């Protein structure tokens, strides 16, 4: 019978709290606007007849067509972000893993247009709000590299951070306003938009994962941060 793998070491709770504070400070200063966005068939076109239909010599070209939809989620008050770190562990020497849960009140802007044969039949915008939470699975690895040459080679410490998974959750989604529409029609549109947001959720999560990793790259110019231990020793 194979022995169970040893449980990974856990960081001190004080270290986790310090990481939460650092992460929150970075997020408050660097929350992207919009937080996430996605589009479904926005800008879709087809090839067909364009121009007046009475012309004997029809002109062919591309024309707008279809049901265009796009949604953007914004955080209007980044100072109110909530950040929690869970599942922090040292699974192996030189590697730290943790899960970051980030919560915020968000506003949603949903736009849709209906095009047929190059003519816009409908254009509308709906605004809503919700409580959103973002779950980020993160991994930080460290290693040392020694440059050749010199009487006393001093290593560099290389730190690499990446986001391995991103999930988006939301609750209490409320539709506040649909431009130019009220009553039962607004309620129907609101229900349609809630359904559309659910369908666009995988696209929003992909955008979120890409932005999370892009933020890491932007913060350090690369996914790897190199610290000269020689410089530290010199100080």
C-alpha atoms as a PDB file:
ATOM      1  CA  UNK A   1       0.000   0.000   0.000  1.00  0.00           C
ATOM      2  CA  UNK A   2       1.432   3.344  -1.043  1.00  0.00           C
ATOM      3  CA  UNK A   3       1.971   5.842   1.747  1.00  0.00           C
ATOM      4  CA  UNK A   4      -0.028   9.047   1.604  1.00  0.00           C
ATOM      5  CA  UNK A   5       1.820  12.106   0.398  1.00  0.00           C
ATOM      6  CA  UNK A   6       2.878  14.422   3.233  1.00  0.00           C
ATOM      7  CA  UNK A   7       0.682  17.456   3.749  1.00  0.00           C
ATOM      8  CA  UNK A   8       2.239  20.666   2.360  1.00  0.00           C
ATOM      9  CA  UNK A   9       3.657  23.181   4.803  1.00  0.00           C
ATOM     10  CA  UNK A  10       1.432  26.125   5.650  1.00  0.00           C
ATOM     11  CA  UNK A  11       2.611  29.722   6.059  1.00  0.00           C
ATOM     12  CA  UNK A  12       2.183  31.604   9.299  1.00  0.00           C
ATOM     13  CA  UNK A  13      -1.231  33.387   9.525  1.00  0.00           C
ATOM     14  CA  UNK A  14       0.591  36.697   9.937  1.00  0.00           C
ATOM     15  CA  UNK A  15       2.321  36.139   6.581  1.00  0.00           C
ATOM     16  CA  UNK A  16      -1.051  35.481   4.947  1.00  0.00           C
ATOM     17  CA  UNK A  17      -2.469  38.707   6.376  1.00  0.00           C
ATOM     18  CA  UNK A  18       0.544  40.620   5.077  1.00  0.00           C
ATOM     19  CA  UNK A  19       0.041  39.080   1.633  1.00  0.00           C
ATOM     20  CA  UNK A  20      -3.638  40.083   1.694  1.00  0.00           C
ATOM     21  CA  UNK A  21      -2.726  43.685   2.515  1.00  0.00           C
ATOM     22  CA  UNK A  22      -0.087  43.818  -0.229  1.00  0.00           C
ATOM     23  CA  UNK A  23      -2.394  42.267  -2.821  1.00  0.00           C
ATOM     24  CA  UNK A  24      -5.248  44.605  -1.938  1.00  0.00           C
ATOM     25  CA  UNK A  25      -2.991  47.658  -2.208  1.00  0.00           C
ATOM     26  CA  UNK A  26      -1.837  46.539  -5.667  1.00  0.00           C
ATOM     27  CA  UNK A  27      -5.401  45.845  -6.826  1.00  0.00           C
ATOM     28  CA  UNK A  28      -6.815  49.163  -5.631  1.00  0.00           C
ATOM     29  CA  UNK A  29      -4.184  50.983  -7.705  1.00  0.00           C
ATOM     30  CA  UNK A  30      -4.425  48.775 -10.787  1.00  0.00           C
ATOM     31  CA  UNK A  31      -8.018  47.569 -11.251  1.00  0.00           C
ATOM     32  CA  UNK A  32      -8.598  47.518 -15.040  1.00  0.00           C
ATOM     33  CA  UNK A  33     -11.502  49.481 -16.480  1.00  0.00           C
ATOM     34  CA  UNK A  34     -13.542  47.667 -17.535  1.00  0.00           C
ATOM     35  CA  UNK A  35     -12.796  44.761 -15.216  1.00  0.00           C
ATOM     36  CA  UNK A  36     -13.899  42.304 -17.888  1.00  0.00           C
ATOM     37  CA  UNK A  37     -15.768  42.543 -21.164  1.00  0.00           C
ATOM     38  CA  UNK A  38     -17.061  40.212 -23.823  1.00  0.00           C
ATOM     39  CA  UNK A  39     -18.909  40.404 -27.117  1.00  0.00           C
ATOM     40  CA  UNK A  40     -21.185  38.045 -28.991  1.00  0.00           C
ATOM     41  CA  UNK A  41     -21.341  38.602 -32.762  1.00  0.00           C
ATOM     42  CA  UNK A  42     -20.575  42.309 -32.266  1.00  0.00           C
ATOM     43  CA  UNK A  43     -19.627  43.741 -35.648  1.00  0.00           C
ATOM     44  CA  UNK A  44     -20.892  40.682 -37.568  1.00  0.00           C
ATOM     45  CA  UNK A  45     -21.228  41.217 -41.306  1.00  0.00           C
ATOM     46  CA  UNK A  46     -22.208  39.210 -44.361  1.00  0.00           C
ATOM     47  CA  UNK A  47     -21.595  39.553 -48.062  1.00  0.00           C
ATOM     48  CA  UNK A  48     -24.561  40.648 -50.144  1.00  0.00           C
ATOM     49  CA  UNK A  49     -26.198  43.397 -52.106  1.00  0.00           C
ATOM     50  CA  UNK A  50     -25.610  46.942 -50.885  1.00  0.00           C
ATOM     51  CA  UNK A  51     -27.059  50.240 -52.021  1.00  0.00           C
ATOM     52  CA  UNK A  52     -30.459  50.913 -53.613  1.00  0.00           C
ATOM     53  CA  UNK A  53     -32.340  47.749 -54.598  1.00  0.00           C
ATOM     54  CA  UNK A  54     -33.883  49.384 -57.686  1.00  0.00           C
ATOM     55  CA  UNK A  55     -30.582  49.615 -59.502  1.00  0.00           C
ATOM     56  CA  UNK A  56     -30.270  47.349 -62.505  1.00  0.00           C
ATOM     57  CA  UNK A  57     -26.616  46.684 -61.783  1.00  0.00           C
ATOM     58  CA  UNK A  58     -26.508  45.611 -58.120  1.00  0.00           C
ATOM     59  CA  UNK A  59     -23.508  46.605 -56.069  1.00  0.00           C
ATOM     60  CA  UNK A  60     -22.163  43.785 -53.892  1.00  0.00           C
ATOM     61  CA  UNK A  61     -20.233  44.177 -50.647  1.00  0.00           C
ATOM     62  CA  UNK A  62     -20.239  43.458 -46.944  1.00  0.00           C
ATOM     63  CA  UNK A  63     -23.094  44.685 -44.783  1.00  0.00           C
ATOM     64  CA  UNK A  64     -23.960  44.584 -41.100  1.00  0.00           C
ATOM     65  CA  UNK A  65     -26.190  41.690 -40.139  1.00  0.00           C
ATOM     66  CA  UNK A  66     -27.280  39.761 -37.089  1.00  0.00           C
ATOM     67  CA  UNK A  67     -27.889  40.258 -33.375  1.00  0.00           C
ATOM     68  CA  UNK A  68     -24.942  42.089 -31.841  1.00  0.00           C
ATOM     69  CA  UNK A  69     -24.361  41.860 -28.087  1.00  0.00           C
ATOM     70  CA  UNK A  70     -21.602  42.986 -25.769  1.00  0.00           C
ATOM     71  CA  UNK A  71     -21.282  43.365 -22.015  1.00  0.00           C
ATOM     72  CA  UNK A  72     -18.767  45.217 -19.844  1.00  0.00           C
ATOM     73  CA  UNK A  73     -18.321  44.925 -16.081  1.00  0.00           C
ATOM     74  CA  UNK A  74     -16.803  47.855 -14.162  1.00  0.00           C
ATOM     75  CA  UNK A  75     -15.780  48.444 -10.553  1.00  0.00           C
ATOM     76  CA  UNK A  76     -16.864  52.035  -9.779  1.00  0.00           C
ATOM     77  CA  UNK A  77     -15.205  52.139  -6.335  1.00  0.00           C
ATOM     78  CA  UNK A  78     -11.984  50.156  -6.225  1.00  0.00           C
ATOM     79  CA  UNK A  79     -11.231  51.446  -2.701  1.00  0.00           C
ATOM     80  CA  UNK A  80     -14.031  49.197  -1.407  1.00  0.00           C
ATOM     81  CA  UNK A  81     -12.436  45.975  -2.708  1.00  0.00           C
ATOM     82  CA  UNK A  82     -12.447  43.013  -0.351  1.00  0.00           C
ATOM     83  CA  UNK A  83      -9.501  40.582  -0.550  1.00  0.00           C
ATOM     84  CA  UNK A  84      -9.065  37.244   1.168  1.00  0.00           C
ATOM     85  CA  UNK A  85      -6.271  34.657   0.848  1.00  0.00           C
ATOM     86  CA  UNK A  86      -7.027  30.963   1.389  1.00  0.00           C
ATOM     87  CA  UNK A  87      -5.306  27.638   0.744  1.00  0.00           C
ATOM     88  CA  UNK A  88      -1.843  29.195   1.067  1.00  0.00           C
ATOM     89  CA  UNK A  89       0.771  26.441   1.098  1.00  0.00           C
ATOM     90  CA  UNK A  90       4.355  25.495   0.310  1.00  0.00           C
ATOM     91  CA  UNK A  91       3.813  22.289  -1.725  1.00  0.00           C
ATOM     92  CA  UNK A  92       7.531  21.928  -2.454  1.00  0.00           C
ATOM     93  CA  UNK A  93      10.739  23.857  -1.889  1.00  0.00           C
ATOM     94  CA  UNK A  94      10.746  27.071  -3.882  1.00  0.00           C
ATOM     95  CA  UNK A  95       7.004  27.069  -4.639  1.00  0.00           C
ATOM     96  CA  UNK A  96       4.125  28.896  -2.976  1.00  0.00           C
ATOM     97  CA  UNK A  97       0.499  28.470  -3.971  1.00  0.00           C
ATOM     98  CA  UNK A  98      -2.526  30.393  -2.782  1.00  0.00           C
ATOM     99  CA  UNK A  99      -6.091  31.254  -3.713  1.00  0.00           C
ATOM    100  CA  UNK A 100      -7.147  34.901  -3.772  1.00  0.00           C
ATOM    101  CA  UNK A 101     -10.841  35.772  -3.474  1.00  0.00           C
ATOM    102  CA  UNK A 102     -11.628  39.353  -4.476  1.00  0.00           C
ATOM    103  CA  UNK A 103     -15.066  40.885  -3.976  1.00  0.00           C
ATOM    104  CA  UNK A 104     -16.518  44.155  -5.255  1.00  0.00           C
ATOM    105  CA  UNK A 105     -19.744  45.921  -6.111  1.00  0.00           C
ATOM    106  CA  UNK A 106     -19.913  46.162  -9.904  1.00  0.00           C
ATOM    107  CA  UNK A 107     -21.960  47.881 -12.569  1.00  0.00           C
ATOM    108  CA  UNK A 108     -22.840  46.160 -15.816  1.00  0.00           C
ATOM    109  CA  UNK A 109     -23.392  47.793 -19.186  1.00  0.00           C
ATOM    110  CA  UNK A 110     -25.111  45.650 -21.787  1.00  0.00           C
ATOM    111  CA  UNK A 111     -25.492  46.816 -25.384  1.00  0.00           C
ATOM    112  CA  UNK A 112     -27.346  45.128 -28.193  1.00  0.00           C
ATOM    113  CA  UNK A 113     -28.132  46.003 -31.771  1.00  0.00           C
ATOM    114  CA  UNK A 114     -30.187  44.168 -34.376  1.00  0.00           C
ATOM    115  CA  UNK A 115     -29.126  44.472 -38.012  1.00  0.00           C
ATOM    116  CA  UNK A 116     -30.792  43.084 -41.138  1.00  0.00           C
ATOM    117  CA  UNK A 117     -29.292  43.500 -44.594  1.00  0.00           C
ATOM    118  CA  UNK A 118     -27.253  46.512 -43.554  1.00  0.00           C
ATOM    119  CA  UNK A 119     -30.088  48.287 -41.731  1.00  0.00           C
ATOM    120  CA  UNK A 120     -30.162  48.758 -38.000  1.00  0.00           C
ATOM    121  CA  UNK A 121     -33.553  47.745 -36.670  1.00  0.00           C
ATOM    122  CA  UNK A 122     -32.832  48.191 -32.978  1.00  0.00           C
ATOM    123  CA  UNK A 123     -30.165  49.705 -30.724  1.00  0.00           C
ATOM    124  CA  UNK A 124     -30.411  49.724 -26.960  1.00  0.00           C
ATOM    125  CA  UNK A 125     -28.373  49.906 -23.778  1.00  0.00           C
ATOM    126  CA  UNK A 126     -29.175  48.389 -20.412  1.00  0.00           C
ATOM    127  CA  UNK A 127     -27.451  49.067 -17.106  1.00  0.00           C
ATOM    128  CA  UNK A 128     -27.417  46.862 -14.050  1.00  0.00           C
ATOM    129  CA  UNK A 129     -25.490  46.120 -10.882  1.00  0.00           C
ATOM    130  CA  UNK A 130     -24.381  43.097  -8.912  1.00  0.00           C
ATOM    131  CA  UNK A 131     -21.998  41.855  -6.261  1.00  0.00           C
ATOM    132  CA  UNK A 132     -19.150  40.102  -8.017  1.00  0.00           C
ATOM    133  CA  UNK A 133     -16.368  37.889  -6.735  1.00  0.00           C
ATOM    134  CA  UNK A 134     -13.218  36.850  -8.560  1.00  0.00           C
ATOM    135  CA  UNK A 135     -11.320  33.706  -7.579  1.00  0.00           C
ATOM    136  CA  UNK A 136      -7.690  33.580  -8.683  1.00  0.00           C
ATOM    137  CA  UNK A 137      -5.498  30.509  -8.287  1.00  0.00           C
ATOM    138  CA  UNK A 138      -1.935  31.792  -8.017  1.00  0.00           C
ATOM    139  CA  UNK A 139       1.502  30.229  -7.996  1.00  0.00           C
ATOM    140  CA  UNK A 140       4.852  31.793  -7.112  1.00  0.00           C
ATOM    141  CA  UNK A 141       8.130  29.985  -7.684  1.00  0.00           C
ATOM    142  CA  UNK A 142      11.640  30.994  -6.721  1.00  0.00           C
ATOM    143  CA  UNK A 143      15.023  29.754  -7.843  1.00  0.00           C
ATOM    144  CA  UNK A 144      18.612  30.914  -7.794  1.00  0.00           C
ATOM    145  CA  UNK A 145      20.870  31.348 -10.809  1.00  0.00           C
ATOM    146  CA  UNK A 146      24.613  31.831 -10.589  1.00  0.00           C
ATOM    147  CA  UNK A 147      26.402  33.715 -13.317  1.00  0.00           C
ATOM    148  CA  UNK A 148      29.746  32.232 -14.361  1.00  0.00           C
ATOM    149  CA  UNK A 149      32.960  34.064 -13.734  1.00  0.00           C
ATOM    150  CA  UNK A 150      34.306  36.012 -10.829  1.00  0.00           C
ATOM    151  CA  UNK A 151      36.234  34.909  -7.780  1.00  0.00           C
ATOM    152  CA  UNK A 152      33.086  34.611  -5.674  1.00  0.00           C
ATOM    153  CA  UNK A 153      30.032  33.938  -7.878  1.00  0.00           C
ATOM    154  CA  UNK A 154      26.917  35.459  -6.279  1.00  0.00           C
ATOM    155  CA  UNK A 155      23.536  34.057  -7.324  1.00  0.00           C
ATOM    156  CA  UNK A 156      20.475  35.951  -8.447  1.00  0.00           C
ATOM    157  CA  UNK A 157      17.102  35.166  -6.908  1.00  0.00           C
ATOM    158  CA  UNK A 158      14.476  34.733  -9.638  1.00  0.00           C
ATOM    159  CA  UNK A 159      10.803  34.974  -8.670  1.00  0.00           C
ATOM    160  CA  UNK A 160       8.052  33.974 -11.096  1.00  0.00           C
ATOM    161  CA  UNK A 161       4.366  34.635 -10.431  1.00  0.00           C
ATOM    162  CA  UNK A 162       1.475  33.418 -12.539  1.00  0.00           C
ATOM    163  CA  UNK A 163      -2.291  33.017 -12.339  1.00  0.00           C
ATOM    164  CA  UNK A 164      -3.275  29.442 -13.133  1.00  0.00           C
ATOM    165  CA  UNK A 165      -7.064  29.767 -12.982  1.00  0.00           C
ATOM    166  CA  UNK A 166      -9.666  32.523 -12.800  1.00  0.00           C
ATOM    167  CA  UNK A 167     -13.347  32.159 -11.986  1.00  0.00           C
ATOM    168  CA  UNK A 168     -16.040  34.822 -11.902  1.00  0.00           C
ATOM    169  CA  UNK A 169     -19.054  34.681  -9.579  1.00  0.00           C
ATOM    170  CA  UNK A 170     -21.888  37.115  -9.114  1.00  0.00           C
ATOM    171  CA  UNK A 171     -25.076  37.462  -7.103  1.00  0.00           C
ATOM    172  CA  UNK A 172     -27.967  39.889  -6.699  1.00  0.00           C
ATOM    173  CA  UNK A 173     -27.879  40.887 -10.364  1.00  0.00           C
ATOM    174  CA  UNK A 174     -30.405  43.704 -10.739  1.00  0.00           C
ATOM    175  CA  UNK A 175     -31.328  45.513 -13.965  1.00  0.00           C
ATOM    176  CA  UNK A 176     -31.723  49.228 -13.239  1.00  0.00           C
ATOM    177  CA  UNK A 177     -32.418  50.865 -16.580  1.00  0.00           C
ATOM    178  CA  UNK A 178     -33.052  50.149 -20.236  1.00  0.00           C
ATOM    179  CA  UNK A 179     -32.829  53.236 -22.438  1.00  0.00           C
ATOM    180  CA  UNK A 180     -36.146  54.218 -23.994  1.00  0.00           C
ATOM    181  CA  UNK A 181     -38.069  51.219 -22.638  1.00  0.00           C
ATOM    182  CA  UNK A 182     -40.272  50.804 -19.587  1.00  0.00           C
ATOM    183  CA  UNK A 183     -42.910  48.582 -18.025  1.00  0.00           C
ATOM    184  CA  UNK A 184     -43.277  44.962 -19.087  1.00  0.00           C
ATOM    185  CA  UNK A 185     -40.961  45.431 -22.071  1.00  0.00           C
ATOM    186  CA  UNK A 186     -38.142  46.542 -19.761  1.00  0.00           C
ATOM    187  CA  UNK A 187     -38.739  43.507 -17.540  1.00  0.00           C
ATOM    188  CA  UNK A 188     -38.550  41.148 -20.524  1.00  0.00           C
ATOM    189  CA  UNK A 189     -35.351  42.786 -21.758  1.00  0.00           C
ATOM    190  CA  UNK A 190     -33.908  42.561 -18.262  1.00  0.00           C
ATOM    191  CA  UNK A 191     -34.588  38.834 -18.083  1.00  0.00           C
ATOM    192  CA  UNK A 192     -33.079  38.385 -21.537  1.00  0.00           C
ATOM    193  CA  UNK A 193     -29.942  40.240 -20.477  1.00  0.00           C
ATOM    194  CA  UNK A 194     -29.523  38.169 -17.311  1.00  0.00           C
ATOM    195  CA  UNK A 195     -29.667  35.064 -19.488  1.00  0.00           C
ATOM    196  CA  UNK A 196     -27.162  36.586 -21.920  1.00  0.00           C
ATOM    197  CA  UNK A 197     -24.733  37.403 -19.093  1.00  0.00           C
ATOM    198  CA  UNK A 198     -24.881  33.773 -17.968  1.00  0.00           C
ATOM    199  CA  UNK A 199     -24.045  32.606 -21.493  1.00  0.00           C
ATOM    200  CA  UNK A 200     -21.169  35.098 -21.792  1.00  0.00           C
ATOM    201  CA  UNK A 201     -19.675  34.079 -18.424  1.00  0.00           C
ATOM    202  CA  UNK A 202     -17.053  31.686 -19.945  1.00  0.00           C
ATOM    203  CA  UNK A 203     -15.855  34.492 -22.243  1.00  0.00           C
ATOM    204  CA  UNK A 204     -15.671  36.868 -19.286  1.00  0.00           C
ATOM    205  CA  UNK A 205     -13.602  34.336 -17.328  1.00  0.00           C
ATOM    206  CA  UNK A 206     -11.160  33.915 -20.223  1.00  0.00           C
ATOM    207  CA  UNK A 207     -10.772  37.686 -20.407  1.00  0.00           C
ATOM    208  CA  UNK A 208     -10.301  37.782 -16.639  1.00  0.00           C
ATOM    209  CA  UNK A 209      -7.549  35.140 -16.709  1.00  0.00           C
ATOM    210  CA  UNK A 210      -5.757  36.934 -19.541  1.00  0.00           C
ATOM    211  CA  UNK A 211      -5.969  40.278 -17.732  1.00  0.00           C
ATOM    212  CA  UNK A 212      -4.760  38.775 -14.459  1.00  0.00           C
ATOM    213  CA  UNK A 213      -1.639  37.370 -16.083  1.00  0.00           C
ATOM    214  CA  UNK A 214      -1.165  40.547 -18.126  1.00  0.00           C
ATOM    215  CA  UNK A 215      -1.257  42.546 -14.887  1.00  0.00           C
ATOM    216  CA  UNK A 216       1.526  40.379 -13.475  1.00  0.00           C
ATOM    217  CA  UNK A 217       3.606  40.982 -16.595  1.00  0.00           C
ATOM    218  CA  UNK A 218       2.913  44.727 -16.542  1.00  0.00           C
ATOM    219  CA  UNK A 219       3.852  45.018 -12.872  1.00  0.00           C
ATOM    220  CA  UNK A 220       7.268  43.487 -13.430  1.00  0.00           C
ATOM    221  CA  UNK A 221       7.812  43.931 -17.189  1.00  0.00           C
ATOM    222  CA  UNK A 222       8.118  40.142 -17.280  1.00  0.00           C
ATOM    223  CA  UNK A 223       6.686  37.171 -15.453  1.00  0.00           C
ATOM    224  CA  UNK A 224      10.064  36.813 -13.769  1.00  0.00           C
ATOM    225  CA  UNK A 225      11.521  39.226 -11.229  1.00  0.00           C
ATOM    226  CA  UNK A 226      15.287  38.988 -10.781  1.00  0.00           C
ATOM    227  CA  UNK A 227      16.897  40.186  -7.554  1.00  0.00           C
ATOM    228  CA  UNK A 228      20.688  40.376  -7.297  1.00  0.00           C
ATOM    229  CA  UNK A 229      21.755  38.838  -4.028  1.00  0.00           C
ATOM    230  CA  UNK A 230      25.116  40.462  -4.568  1.00  0.00           C
ATOM    231  CA  UNK A 231      23.421  43.836  -4.338  1.00  0.00           C
ATOM    232  CA  UNK A 232      21.714  42.766  -1.135  1.00  0.00           C
ATOM    233  CA  UNK A 233      24.994  41.599   0.359  1.00  0.00           C
ATOM    234  CA  UNK A 234      26.602  44.890  -0.668  1.00  0.00           C
ATOM    235  CA  UNK A 235      24.004  46.749   1.371  1.00  0.00           C
END
